[in-house]
C-alpha atoms as a PDB file:
ATOM      1  CA  MET A   1     -69.499-162.161 106.420  1.00  0.00           C
ATOM      2  CA  GLU A   2     -68.183-160.476 109.560  1.00  0.00           C
ATOM      3  CA  LEU A   3     -71.743-159.606 110.587  1.00  0.00           C
ATOM      4  CA  VAL A   4     -72.745-163.263 110.247  1.00  0.00           C
ATOM      5  CA  VAL A   5     -69.836-164.334 112.476  1.00  0.00           C
ATOM      6  CA  ASP A   6     -70.774-161.683 115.063  1.00  0.00           C
ATOM      7  CA  ILE A   7     -74.386-162.844 115.150  1.00  0.00           C
ATOM      8  CA  ALA A   8     -73.316-166.491 115.396  1.00  0.00           C
ATOM      9  CA  LEU A   9     -70.968-165.785 118.308  1.00  0.00           C
ATOM     10  CA  LEU A  10     -73.614-163.774 120.138  1.00  0.00           C
ATOM     11  CA  GLY A  11     -76.131-166.552 119.543  1.00  0.00           C
ATOM     12  CA  PHE A  12     -73.790-169.195 120.965  1.00  0.00           C
ATOM     13  CA  MET A  13     -73.053-166.972 123.974  1.00  0.00           C
ATOM     14  CA  VAL A  14     -76.768-166.536 124.694  1.00  0.00           C
ATOM     15  CA  MET A  15     -77.380-170.286 124.386  1.00  0.00           C
ATOM     16  CA  ALA A  16     -74.457-171.070 126.694  1.00  0.00           C
ATOM     17  CA  ALA A  17     -75.648-168.537 129.281  1.00  0.00           C
ATOM     18  CA  LEU A  18     -79.199-169.910 129.243  1.00  0.00           C
ATOM     19  CA  ALA A  19     -77.947-173.485 129.479  1.00  0.00           C
ATOM     20  CA  ILE A  20     -75.821-172.612 132.530  1.00  0.00           C
ATOM     21  CA  THR A  21     -78.882-171.261 134.343  1.00  0.00           C
ATOM     22  CA  ARG A  22     -80.845-174.447 133.648  1.00  0.00           C
ATOM     23  CA  LEU A  23     -78.233-177.104 134.397  1.00  0.00           C
ATOM     24  CA  ARG A  24     -78.160-178.945 137.724  1.00  0.00           C
ATOM     25  CA  ASP A  25     -74.925-180.712 136.812  1.00  0.00           C
ATOM     26  CA  LEU A  26     -72.353-178.247 138.162  1.00  0.00           C
ATOM     27  CA  PHE A  27     -69.476-179.885 136.280  1.00  0.00           C
ATOM     28  CA  ALA A  28     -71.279-179.312 132.985  1.00  0.00           C
ATOM     29  CA  ALA A  29     -72.064-175.743 134.064  1.00  0.00           C
ATOM     30  CA  VAL A  30     -68.369-175.061 134.740  1.00  0.00           C
ATOM     31  CA  MET A  31     -67.418-176.432 131.319  1.00  0.00           C
ATOM     32  CA  LEU A  32     -70.055-174.278 129.644  1.00  0.00           C
ATOM     33  CA  ALA A  33     -68.793-171.241 131.548  1.00  0.00           C
ATOM     34  CA  GLY A  34     -65.339-171.884 130.089  1.00  0.00           C
ATOM     35  CA  ILE A  35     -66.828-172.189 126.614  1.00  0.00           C
ATOM     36  CA  TYR A  36     -68.716-168.933 127.162  1.00  0.00           C
ATOM     37  CA  SER A  37     -65.433-167.195 128.020  1.00  0.00           C
ATOM     38  CA  LEU A  38     -63.774-168.542 124.882  1.00  0.00           C
ATOM     39  CA  LEU A  39     -66.679-167.285 122.773  1.00  0.00           C
ATOM     40  CA  CYS A  40     -66.404-163.902 124.491  1.00  0.00           C
ATOM     41  CA  ALA A  41     -62.659-163.821 123.804  1.00  0.00           C
ATOM     42  CA  SER A  42     -63.315-164.611 120.137  1.00  0.00           C
ATOM     43  CA  PHE A  43     -65.788-161.750 120.002  1.00  0.00           C
ATOM     44  CA  PHE A  44     -63.166-159.369 121.422  1.00  0.00           C
ATOM     45  CA  VAL A  45     -60.721-160.513 118.731  1.00  0.00           C
ATOM     46  CA  LEU A  46     -63.246-159.568 116.061  1.00  0.00           C
ATOM     47  CA  LEU A  47     -63.412-156.123 117.685  1.00  0.00           C
ATOM     48  CA  ASP A  48     -59.594-155.851 117.399  1.00  0.00           C
ATOM     49  CA  ALA A  49     -59.302-155.835 121.205  1.00  0.00           C
ATOM     50  CA  VAL A  50     -56.652-158.552 121.269  1.00  0.00           C
ATOM     51  CA  ASP A  51     -55.263-157.693 124.716  1.00  0.00           C
ATOM     52  CA  VAL A  52     -58.754-157.837 126.224  1.00  0.00           C
ATOM     53  CA  ALA A  53     -59.410-161.130 124.436  1.00  0.00           C
ATOM     54  CA  PHE A  54     -56.131-162.503 125.795  1.00  0.00           C
ATOM     55  CA  THR A  55     -57.142-161.590 129.338  1.00  0.00           C
ATOM     56  CA  GLU A  56     -60.624-163.051 128.939  1.00  0.00           C
ATOM     57  CA  ALA A  57     -59.238-166.340 127.614  1.00  0.00           C
ATOM     58  CA  ALA A  58     -56.590-166.612 130.344  1.00  0.00           C
ATOM     59  CA  VAL A  59     -58.858-165.613 133.238  1.00  0.00           C
ATOM     60  CA  GLY A  60     -62.324-166.694 132.148  1.00  0.00           C
ATOM     61  CA  ALA A  61     -61.558-169.919 130.277  1.00  0.00           C
ATOM     62  CA  GLY A  62     -58.332-170.722 132.108  1.00  0.00           C
ATOM     63  CA  ILE A  63     -57.812-169.950 135.770  1.00  0.00           C
ATOM     64  CA  SER A  64     -61.510-169.457 136.618  1.00  0.00           C
ATOM     65  CA  THR A  65     -62.417-172.866 135.205  1.00  0.00           C
ATOM     66  CA  LEU A  66     -59.679-174.550 137.225  1.00  0.00           C
ATOM     67  CA  LEU A  67     -60.701-172.784 140.438  1.00  0.00           C
ATOM     68  CA  MET A  68     -64.351-173.713 139.927  1.00  0.00           C
ATOM     69  CA  LEU A  69     -63.384-177.348 139.346  1.00  0.00           C
ATOM     70  CA  THR A  70     -61.460-177.167 142.611  1.00  0.00           C
ATOM     71  CA  THR A  71     -64.560-175.816 144.327  1.00  0.00           C
ATOM     72  CA  LEU A  72     -66.585-178.773 143.046  1.00  0.00           C
ATOM     73  CA  ALA A  73     -64.325-181.046 145.084  1.00  0.00           C
ATOM     74  CA  LEU A  74     -65.679-179.257 148.170  1.00  0.00           C
ATOM     75  CA  THR A  75     -69.329-178.885 147.157  1.00  0.00           C
ATOM     76  CA  GLY A  76     -70.196-181.929 145.064  1.00  0.00           C
ATOM     77  CA  ARG A  77     -71.130-182.292 141.416  1.00  0.00           C
ATOM     78  CA  TYR A  78     -74.902-181.937 141.456  1.00  0.00           C
ATOM     79  CA  GLU A  79     -77.056-179.115 142.747  1.00  0.00           C
ATOM     80  CA  LYS A  80     -79.278-180.202 145.607  1.00  0.00           C
ATOM     81  CA  ASP A  81     -83.039-179.915 145.406  1.00  0.00           C
ATOM     82  CA  SER A  82     -84.373-176.695 146.840  1.00  0.00           C
ATOM     83  CA  PRO A  83     -87.860-175.237 147.221  1.00  0.00           C
ATOM     84  CA  PRO A  84     -89.067-173.106 144.300  1.00  0.00           C
ATOM     85  CA  PRO A  85     -88.136-169.431 144.611  1.00  0.00           C
ATOM     86  CA  ARG A  86     -90.748-167.105 146.032  1.00  0.00           C
ATOM     87  CA  ARG A  87     -91.905-164.576 143.462  1.00  0.00           C
ATOM     88  CA  SER A  88     -91.882-160.968 144.597  1.00  0.00           C
ATOM     89  CA  ILE A  89     -93.705-158.202 142.764  1.00  0.00           C
ATOM     90  CA  ALA A  90     -91.536-155.560 144.457  1.00  0.00           C
ATOM     91  CA  ALA A  91     -88.363-157.234 143.225  1.00  0.00           C
ATOM     92  CA  MET A  92     -89.770-157.420 139.699  1.00  0.00           C
ATOM     93  CA  LEU A  93     -90.595-153.712 139.795  1.00  0.00           C
ATOM     94  CA  VAL A  94     -87.061-152.841 140.948  1.00  0.00           C
ATOM     95  CA  VAL A  95     -85.499-154.954 138.198  1.00  0.00           C
ATOM     96  CA  SER A  96     -87.813-153.441 135.584  1.00  0.00           C
ATOM     97  CA  ALA A  97     -86.997-149.901 136.708  1.00  0.00           C
ATOM     98  CA  ALA A  98     -83.269-150.667 136.549  1.00  0.00           C
ATOM     99  CA  GLY A  99     -83.728-152.053 133.038  1.00  0.00           C
ATOM    100  CA  VAL A 100     -85.523-148.910 131.898  1.00  0.00           C
ATOM    101  CA  LEU A 101     -82.738-146.717 133.319  1.00  0.00           C
ATOM    102  CA  LEU A 102     -80.077-148.811 131.586  1.00  0.00           C
ATOM    103  CA  ALA A 103     -81.954-148.583 128.290  1.00  0.00           C
ATOM    104  CA  TYR A 104     -82.198-144.814 128.715  1.00  0.00           C
ATOM    105  CA  GLY A 105     -78.460-144.611 129.391  1.00  0.00           C
ATOM    106  CA  LEU A 106     -77.652-146.723 126.333  1.00  0.00           C
ATOM    107  CA  SER A 107     -79.612-144.340 124.135  1.00  0.00           C
ATOM    108  CA  ASP A 108     -76.983-141.656 124.753  1.00  0.00           C
ATOM    109  CA  ILE A 109     -73.958-143.823 123.903  1.00  0.00           C
ATOM    110  CA  PRO A 110     -72.178-142.823 120.657  1.00  0.00           C
ATOM    111  CA  VAL A 111     -72.538-145.086 117.657  1.00  0.00           C
ATOM    112  CA  PHE A 112     -69.976-147.898 117.670  1.00  0.00           C
ATOM    113  CA  GLY A 113     -66.861-146.853 115.746  1.00  0.00           C
ATOM    114  CA  SER A 114     -67.927-143.224 115.511  1.00  0.00           C
ATOM    115  CA  ALA A 115     -64.980-140.854 115.038  1.00  0.00           C
ATOM    116  CA  ASP A 116     -66.832-138.206 117.044  1.00  0.00           C
ATOM    117  CA  ALA A 117     -67.016-140.328 120.206  1.00  0.00           C
ATOM    118  CA  PRO A 118     -65.462-138.543 123.227  1.00  0.00           C
ATOM    119  CA  ALA A 119     -62.904-141.315 123.663  1.00  0.00           C
ATOM    120  CA  HIS A 120     -61.602-140.650 120.149  1.00  0.00           C
ATOM    121  CA  ARG A 121     -61.433-136.875 120.476  1.00  0.00           C
ATOM    122  CA  HIS A 122     -59.334-136.541 123.629  1.00  0.00           C
ATOM    123  CA  VAL A 123     -56.531-138.760 124.943  1.00  0.00           C
ATOM    124  CA  ALA A 124     -56.856-141.671 122.501  1.00  0.00           C
ATOM    125  CA  SER A 125     -55.242-139.788 119.634  1.00  0.00           C
ATOM    126  CA  TYR A 126     -52.388-138.671 121.872  1.00  0.00           C
ATOM    127  CA  TYR A 127     -51.728-142.231 123.026  1.00  0.00           C
ATOM    128  CA  ILE A 128     -51.662-143.552 119.470  1.00  0.00           C
ATOM    129  CA  GLU A 129     -49.373-140.820 118.196  1.00  0.00           C
ATOM    130  CA  SER A 130     -47.004-140.420 121.159  1.00  0.00           C
ATOM    131  CA  THR A 131     -46.687-143.768 122.927  1.00  0.00           C
ATOM    132  CA  ALA A 132     -43.649-145.007 121.015  1.00  0.00           C
ATOM    133  CA  GLN A 133     -41.814-141.680 121.438  1.00  0.00           C
ATOM    134  CA  ASP A 134     -42.682-141.288 125.123  1.00  0.00           C
ATOM    135  CA  THR A 135     -42.120-144.838 126.369  1.00  0.00           C
ATOM    136  CA  GLY A 136     -40.295-146.780 123.673  1.00  0.00           C
ATOM    137  CA  VAL A 137     -43.016-149.440 123.899  1.00  0.00           C
ATOM    138  CA  PRO A 138     -44.769-150.289 120.604  1.00  0.00           C
ATOM    139  CA  ASN A 139     -47.789-151.893 122.326  1.00  0.00           C
ATOM    140  CA  VAL A 140     -50.052-148.953 123.126  1.00  0.00           C
ATOM    141  CA  VAL A 141     -52.205-150.984 125.536  1.00  0.00           C
ATOM    142  CA  THR A 142     -49.212-151.986 127.650  1.00  0.00           C
ATOM    143  CA  ALA A 143     -47.890-148.411 127.682  1.00  0.00           C
ATOM    144  CA  VAL A 144     -51.247-147.002 128.771  1.00  0.00           C
ATOM    145  CA  LEU A 145     -51.769-149.554 131.546  1.00  0.00           C
ATOM    146  CA  ALA A 146     -48.220-149.526 132.887  1.00  0.00           C
ATOM    147  CA  SER A 147     -47.162-145.912 132.342  1.00  0.00           C
ATOM    148  CA  TYR A 148     -49.885-143.385 131.576  1.00  0.00           C
ATOM    149  CA  ARG A 149     -52.270-144.901 134.114  1.00  0.00           C
ATOM    150  CA  GLY A 150     -49.704-146.656 136.275  1.00  0.00           C
ATOM    151  CA  PHE A 151     -51.465-145.426 139.438  1.00  0.00           C
ATOM    152  CA  ASP A 152     -54.618-147.340 138.459  1.00  0.00           C
ATOM    153  CA  THR A 153     -52.689-150.502 137.671  1.00  0.00           C
ATOM    154  CA  PHE A 154     -50.869-150.267 140.996  1.00  0.00           C
ATOM    155  CA  GLY A 155     -54.224-149.983 142.738  1.00  0.00           C
ATOM    156  CA  GLU A 156     -55.537-153.027 140.879  1.00  0.00           C
ATOM    157  CA  LEU A 157     -52.466-154.995 141.934  1.00  0.00           C
ATOM    158  CA  VAL A 158     -53.022-154.037 145.564  1.00  0.00           C
ATOM    159  CA  VAL A 159     -56.657-155.154 145.236  1.00  0.00           C
ATOM    160  CA  ILE A 160     -55.536-158.572 143.957  1.00  0.00           C
ATOM    161  CA  PHE A 161     -53.043-158.884 146.806  1.00  0.00           C
ATOM    162  CA  THR A 162     -55.713-157.853 149.323  1.00  0.00           C
ATOM    163  CA  ALA A 163     -58.117-160.434 147.891  1.00  0.00           C
ATOM    164  CA  GLY A 164     -55.561-163.158 148.532  1.00  0.00           C
ATOM    165  CA  ILE A 165     -55.092-161.939 152.106  1.00  0.00           C
ATOM    166  CA  GLY A 166     -58.865-161.888 152.546  1.00  0.00           C
ATOM    167  CA  VAL A 167     -59.269-165.505 151.435  1.00  0.00           C
ATOM    168  CA  LEU A 168     -56.515-166.642 153.783  1.00  0.00           C
ATOM    169  CA  ALA A 169     -57.973-164.619 156.653  1.00  0.00           C
ATOM    170  CA  LEU A 170     -61.485-166.032 156.171  1.00  0.00           C
ATOM    171  CA  LEU A 171     -60.307-169.635 156.051  1.00  0.00           C
ATOM    172  CA  THR A 172     -57.964-169.132 159.000  1.00  0.00           C
ATOM    173  CA  MET A 173     -60.707-167.528 161.115  1.00  0.00           C
ATOM    174  CA  SER A 174     -63.022-170.456 160.381  1.00  0.00           C
ATOM    175  CA  GLY A 175     -60.501-172.759 162.049  1.00  0.00           C
ATOM    176  CA  THR A 176     -60.704-175.302 159.229  1.00  0.00           C
ATOM    177  CA  TRP A 177     -57.522-174.518 157.332  1.00  0.00           C
ATOM    178  CA  ARG A 178     -53.993-175.313 158.345  1.00  0.00           C
ATOM    179  CA  ASP A 179     -50.795-174.265 156.639  1.00  0.00           C
ATOM    180  CA  ASP A 180     -48.223-176.293 158.495  1.00  0.00           C
ATOM    181  CA  GLU A 181     -46.369-178.905 156.522  1.00  0.00           C
ATOM    182  CA  ASN A 182     -47.757-181.871 158.466  1.00  0.00           C
ATOM    183  CA  GLY A 183     -51.291-180.620 158.997  1.00  0.00           C
ATOM    184  CA  ALA A 184     -52.476-179.880 155.474  1.00  0.00           C
ATOM    185  CA  VAL A 185     -55.599-181.820 154.542  1.00  0.00           C
ATOM    186  CA  PRO A 186     -55.439-182.707 150.842  1.00  0.00           C
ATOM    187  CA  MET A 187     -58.683-182.546 148.946  1.00  0.00           C
ATOM    188  CA  PRO A 188     -59.962-185.757 147.330  1.00  0.00           C
ATOM    189  CA  ASN A 189     -58.954-185.728 143.709  1.00  0.00           C
ATOM    190  CA  PRO A 190     -59.953-188.557 141.362  1.00  0.00           C
ATOM    191  CA  MET A 191     -58.121-186.739 138.540  1.00  0.00           C
ATOM    192  CA  GLN A 192     -54.885-188.160 139.958  1.00  0.00           C
ATOM    193  CA  GLU A 193     -55.987-191.579 138.705  1.00  0.00           C
ATOM    194  CA  GLN A 194     -56.358-190.441 135.090  1.00  0.00           C
ATOM    195  CA  THR A 195     -53.239-191.763 133.360  1.00  0.00           C
ATOM    196  CA  ILE A 196     -53.927-190.128 130.000  1.00  0.00           C
ATOM    197  CA  LEU A 197     -54.456-186.716 131.585  1.00  0.00           C
ATOM    198  CA  ARG A 198     -51.234-187.054 133.569  1.00  0.00           C
ATOM    199  CA  ILE A 199     -49.199-187.968 130.474  1.00  0.00           C
ATOM    200  CA  VAL A 200     -50.674-185.132 128.399  1.00  0.00           C
ATOM    201  CA  ALA A 201     -50.102-182.706 131.279  1.00  0.00           C
ATOM    202  CA  LYS A 202     -46.426-183.660 131.506  1.00  0.00           C
ATOM    203  CA  ILE A 203     -46.079-182.600 127.870  1.00  0.00           C
ATOM    204  CA  LEU A 204     -48.186-179.449 128.056  1.00  0.00           C
ATOM    205  CA  ILE A 205     -47.253-177.940 131.435  1.00  0.00           C
ATOM    206  CA  PRO A 206     -43.632-177.057 130.460  1.00  0.00           C
ATOM    207  CA  LEU A 207     -44.945-175.479 127.258  1.00  0.00           C
ATOM    208  CA  ILE A 208     -47.556-173.506 129.236  1.00  0.00           C
ATOM    209  CA  MET A 209     -44.858-172.179 131.558  1.00  0.00           C
ATOM    210  CA  LEU A 210     -42.625-171.284 128.619  1.00  0.00           C
ATOM    211  CA  PHE A 211     -45.526-169.458 127.000  1.00  0.00           C
ATOM    212  CA  ALA A 212     -46.159-167.596 130.267  1.00  0.00           C
ATOM    213  CA  LEU A 213     -42.557-166.357 130.227  1.00  0.00           C
ATOM    214  CA  TYR A 214     -42.973-165.266 126.609  1.00  0.00           C
ATOM    215  CA  VAL A 215     -46.147-163.355 127.468  1.00  0.00           C
ATOM    216  CA  GLN A 216     -44.413-161.761 130.468  1.00  0.00           C
ATOM    217  CA  PHE A 217     -41.378-160.433 128.640  1.00  0.00           C
ATOM    218  CA  HIS A 218     -42.976-159.764 125.249  1.00  0.00           C
ATOM    219  CA  GLY A 219     -45.949-157.747 126.450  1.00  0.00           C
ATOM    220  CA  ASP A 220     -44.254-154.505 125.453  1.00  0.00           C
ATOM    221  CA  TYR A 221     -44.190-155.608 121.813  1.00  0.00           C
ATOM    222  CA  GLY A 222     -47.359-157.689 121.528  1.00  0.00           C
ATOM    223  CA  PRO A 223     -50.515-158.686 123.401  1.00  0.00           C
ATOM    224  CA  GLY A 224     -49.816-159.764 126.956  1.00  0.00           C
ATOM    225  CA  GLY A 225     -48.054-158.524 130.045  1.00  0.00           C
ATOM    226  CA  GLY A 226     -47.704-159.340 133.701  1.00  0.00           C
ATOM    227  CA  PHE A 227     -51.366-159.977 134.436  1.00  0.00           C
ATOM    228  CA  GLN A 228     -51.923-162.478 131.624  1.00  0.00           C
ATOM    229  CA  ALA A 229     -48.550-164.122 132.228  1.00  0.00           C
ATOM    230  CA  GLY A 230     -49.229-164.496 135.954  1.00  0.00           C
ATOM    231  CA  VAL A 231     -52.590-166.131 135.314  1.00  0.00           C
ATOM    232  CA  ILE A 232     -51.138-168.525 132.721  1.00  0.00           C
ATOM    233  CA  PHE A 233     -48.262-169.523 135.005  1.00  0.00           C
ATOM    234  CA  ALA A 234     -50.656-170.060 137.917  1.00  0.00           C
ATOM    235  CA  ALA A 235     -52.908-172.195 135.707  1.00  0.00           C
ATOM    236  CA  ALA A 236     -49.952-174.457 134.920  1.00  0.00           C
ATOM    237  CA  ILE A 237     -49.116-174.920 138.605  1.00  0.00           C
ATOM    238  CA  ILE A 238     -52.758-175.503 139.546  1.00  0.00           C
ATOM    239  CA  LEU A 239     -53.188-178.035 136.750  1.00  0.00           C
ATOM    240  CA  TYR A 240     -50.100-179.879 137.976  1.00  0.00           C
ATOM    241  CA  SER A 241     -51.434-179.885 141.518  1.00  0.00           C
ATOM    242  CA  MET A 242     -54.820-181.221 140.440  1.00  0.00           C
ATOM    243  CA  LEU A 243     -53.277-184.082 138.471  1.00  0.00           C
ATOM    244  CA  PHE A 244     -50.273-185.040 140.589  1.00  0.00           C
ATOM    245  CA  GLY A 245     -51.309-184.072 144.103  1.00  0.00           C
ATOM    246  CA  HIS A 246     -51.229-180.920 146.156  1.00  0.00           C
ATOM    247  CA  SER A 247     -48.711-182.253 148.655  1.00  0.00           C
ATOM    248  CA  ILE A 248     -46.194-182.866 145.860  1.00  0.00           C
ATOM    249  CA  THR A 249     -46.674-179.333 144.568  1.00  0.00           C
ATOM    250  CA  GLU A 250     -46.125-177.841 148.029  1.00  0.00           C
ATOM    251  CA  ARG A 251     -42.737-179.559 148.257  1.00  0.00           C
ATOM    252  CA  VAL A 252     -41.595-177.349 145.371  1.00  0.00           C
ATOM    253  CA  ILE A 253     -43.593-174.176 146.092  1.00  0.00           C
ATOM    254  CA  SER A 254     -44.720-173.813 149.688  1.00  0.00           C
ATOM    255  CA  PRO A 255     -47.600-171.466 150.617  1.00  0.00           C
ATOM    256  CA  ARG A 256     -45.248-169.369 152.749  1.00  0.00           C
ATOM    257  CA  LEU A 257     -42.920-168.828 149.789  1.00  0.00           C
ATOM    258  CA  LEU A 258     -45.886-167.901 147.602  1.00  0.00           C
ATOM    259  CA  ARG A 259     -47.110-165.331 150.111  1.00  0.00           C
ATOM    260  CA  SER A 260     -43.636-163.801 150.196  1.00  0.00           C
ATOM    261  CA  ILE A 261     -43.494-163.637 146.399  1.00  0.00           C
ATOM    262  CA  ALA A 262     -46.950-162.019 146.271  1.00  0.00           C
ATOM    263  CA  ALA A 263     -45.842-159.330 148.716  1.00  0.00           C
ATOM    264  CA  PHE A 264     -42.549-158.870 146.867  1.00  0.00           C
ATOM    265  CA  GLY A 265     -44.396-158.190 143.602  1.00  0.00           C
ATOM    266  CA  VAL A 266     -46.381-155.358 145.196  1.00  0.00           C
ATOM    267  CA  LEU A 267     -43.237-153.966 146.844  1.00  0.00           C
ATOM    268  CA  LEU A 268     -41.370-154.151 143.534  1.00  0.00           C
ATOM    269  CA  TYR A 269     -44.056-152.101 141.822  1.00  0.00           C
ATOM    270  CA  GLY A 270     -44.245-149.558 144.635  1.00  0.00           C
ATOM    271  CA  GLY A 271     -40.470-149.514 144.965  1.00  0.00           C
ATOM    272  CA  VAL A 272     -40.166-148.166 141.436  1.00  0.00           C
ATOM    273  CA  GLY A 273     -42.347-145.248 142.500  1.00  0.00           C
ATOM    274  CA  VAL A 274     -40.233-144.654 145.606  1.00  0.00           C
ATOM    275  CA  VAL A 275     -37.057-144.616 143.502  1.00  0.00           C
ATOM    276  CA  SER A 276     -38.701-142.066 141.218  1.00  0.00           C
ATOM    277  CA  LEU A 277     -39.534-139.857 144.212  1.00  0.00           C
ATOM    278  CA  LEU A 278     -36.023-140.116 145.619  1.00  0.00           C
ATOM    279  CA  SER A 279     -34.663-139.086 142.211  1.00  0.00           C
ATOM    280  CA  GLY A 280     -36.704-135.884 142.268  1.00  0.00           C
ATOM    281  CA  LYS A 281     -39.395-137.089 139.865  1.00  0.00           C
ATOM    282  CA  ASN A 282     -43.071-137.819 140.347  1.00  0.00           C
ATOM    283  CA  PHE A 283     -44.230-141.120 141.807  1.00  0.00           C
ATOM    284  CA  LEU A 284     -44.008-143.856 139.132  1.00  0.00           C
ATOM    285  CA  ASP A 285     -42.227-141.536 136.700  1.00  0.00           C
ATOM    286  CA  TYR A 286     -40.002-144.174 135.134  1.00  0.00           C
ATOM    287  CA  SER A 287     -37.831-141.631 133.332  1.00  0.00           C
ATOM    288  CA  ALA A 288     -35.859-141.374 136.593  1.00  0.00           C
ATOM    289  CA  LEU A 289     -34.511-144.897 136.075  1.00  0.00           C
ATOM    290  CA  SER A 290     -32.145-143.925 133.257  1.00  0.00           C
ATOM    291  CA  ASP A 291     -30.319-140.963 131.796  1.00  0.00           C
ATOM    292  CA  ASP A 292     -32.425-141.464 128.678  1.00  0.00           C
ATOM    293  CA  PRO A 293     -36.068-140.734 129.662  1.00  0.00           C
ATOM    294  CA  VAL A 294     -37.455-143.052 126.973  1.00  0.00           C
ATOM    295  CA  ALA A 295     -35.158-145.904 128.033  1.00  0.00           C
ATOM    296  CA  GLY A 296     -36.155-145.263 131.646  1.00  0.00           C
ATOM    297  CA  GLN A 297     -39.828-145.522 130.737  1.00  0.00           C
ATOM    298  CA  HIS A 298     -39.241-148.804 128.926  1.00  0.00           C
ATOM    299  CA  LEU A 299     -37.220-150.225 131.829  1.00  0.00           C
ATOM    300  CA  GLY A 300     -39.794-149.119 134.382  1.00  0.00           C
ATOM    301  CA  ILE A 301     -42.605-150.775 132.436  1.00  0.00           C
ATOM    302  CA  LEU A 302     -40.684-154.062 132.312  1.00  0.00           C
ATOM    303  CA  ILE A 303     -39.987-153.941 136.069  1.00  0.00           C
ATOM    304  CA  ILE A 304     -43.519-153.161 137.178  1.00  0.00           C
ATOM    305  CA  GLU A 305     -44.929-155.770 134.768  1.00  0.00           C
ATOM    306  CA  LEU A 306     -42.663-158.298 136.471  1.00  0.00           C
ATOM    307  CA  GLY A 307     -44.104-157.247 139.826  1.00  0.00           C
ATOM    308  CA  VAL A 308     -47.621-157.681 138.467  1.00  0.00           C
ATOM    309  CA  GLY A 309     -46.806-161.137 137.126  1.00  0.00           C
ATOM    310  CA  LEU A 310     -45.257-162.304 140.409  1.00  0.00           C
ATOM    311  CA  THR A 311     -48.159-161.096 142.537  1.00  0.00           C
ATOM    312  CA  VAL A 312     -50.933-162.349 140.257  1.00  0.00           C
ATOM    313  CA  ALA A 313     -49.415-165.814 139.872  1.00  0.00           C
ATOM    314  CA  SER A 314     -48.693-166.148 143.586  1.00  0.00           C
ATOM    315  CA  VAL A 315     -52.136-164.977 144.714  1.00  0.00           C
ATOM    316  CA  MET A 316     -53.928-167.337 142.317  1.00  0.00           C
ATOM    317  CA  ILE A 317     -51.886-170.309 143.528  1.00  0.00           C
ATOM    318  CA  VAL A 318     -52.313-169.278 147.181  1.00  0.00           C
ATOM    319  CA  ILE A 319     -56.093-169.141 146.780  1.00  0.00           C
ATOM    320  CA  PHE A 320     -56.090-172.582 145.182  1.00  0.00           C
ATOM    321  CA  SER A 321     -53.813-173.893 147.916  1.00  0.00           C
ATOM    322  CA  ALA A 322     -56.075-172.471 150.624  1.00  0.00           C
ATOM    323  CA  PHE A 323     -59.148-174.231 149.268  1.00  0.00           C
ATOM    324  CA  SER A 324     -57.195-177.427 148.636  1.00  0.00           C
ATOM    325  CA  ASN A 325     -56.208-177.533 152.306  1.00  0.00           C
ATOM    326  CA  HIS A 326     -59.729-176.738 153.470  1.00  0.00           C
ATOM    327  CA  LYS A 327     -61.438-179.581 155.297  1.00  0.00           C
ATOM    328  CA  SER A 328     -64.672-180.653 153.719  1.00  0.00           C
ATOM    329  CA  SER A 329     -67.087-183.560 153.881  1.00  0.00           C
ATOM    330  CA  GLY A 330     -68.478-182.893 150.397  1.00  0.00           C
ATOM    331  CA  GLU A 331     -68.393-185.501 147.656  1.00  0.00           C
ATOM    332  CA  SER A 332     -65.646-185.514 145.087  1.00  0.00           C
ATOM    333  CA  ALA A 333     -65.855-183.859 141.742  1.00  0.00           C
ATOM    334  CA  PRO A 334     -65.893-186.060 138.626  1.00  0.00           C
END
């Protein structure tokens, strides 16, 4: 039965991907992309990768769909006619060669679920056996991301923060984006006229925010954490802005405040490492935060996850805000 479900999910994913490549209606393509992400998240659940599925659903089906809908307000709903692509034999040869190399590489991958796979013979067993004793965090995925490989997660957070700075810098350099309170140019948004959507959103948005807080502060015991919580919280704010107006949203959360929060999240994460160094421990060694090393690890994980959540949520909203204030002569999205 499980094999049948796997094949069905893969079949739906292939059909959705092919349909996206053929559609000229960009709104329909965005909706199908969200469906594809949900199917992918369901597939991860079947593989017992619940944390990965959670991230895929929040990012792929959630925030990415909202940001692409925002982009449609700047580009228009339908793809414009373009001349047929020029076929190149050299390009086909390069793609074919890359495919052969990938197939050759796949031939050396261990069988799925094999106990002799390198990943199962080295650190994986240690993580499973020692995570609870070392960190006091039952969720192995959270402990690995926030403690054992905290350097990598810190780097990923800096990349997200840098991406937000890059978007702001590009729009500012183009001279078509303004951040002052009186100069923001709101994007046309017919969704503000949808009464049913506005009523449903008023009911759902508080629940979405409450769920984001649950994901943020329960990630050490179950699937979730700062990244997923930040994306969910940002999706709630973006949805509110799309339905009730960007200018109203900025009265509550200004772009300048969001940029400060994004920077604070990175500083909070790095500050934990600095405190560890000043206490005579290694950088990001959370055991320095408490007399009990295990309690210190648990506390450090909670603090850095909060930093991740603050930065991720702020950067996502800042990017949306930047595009919302971007002047455009394109037609409105549906």
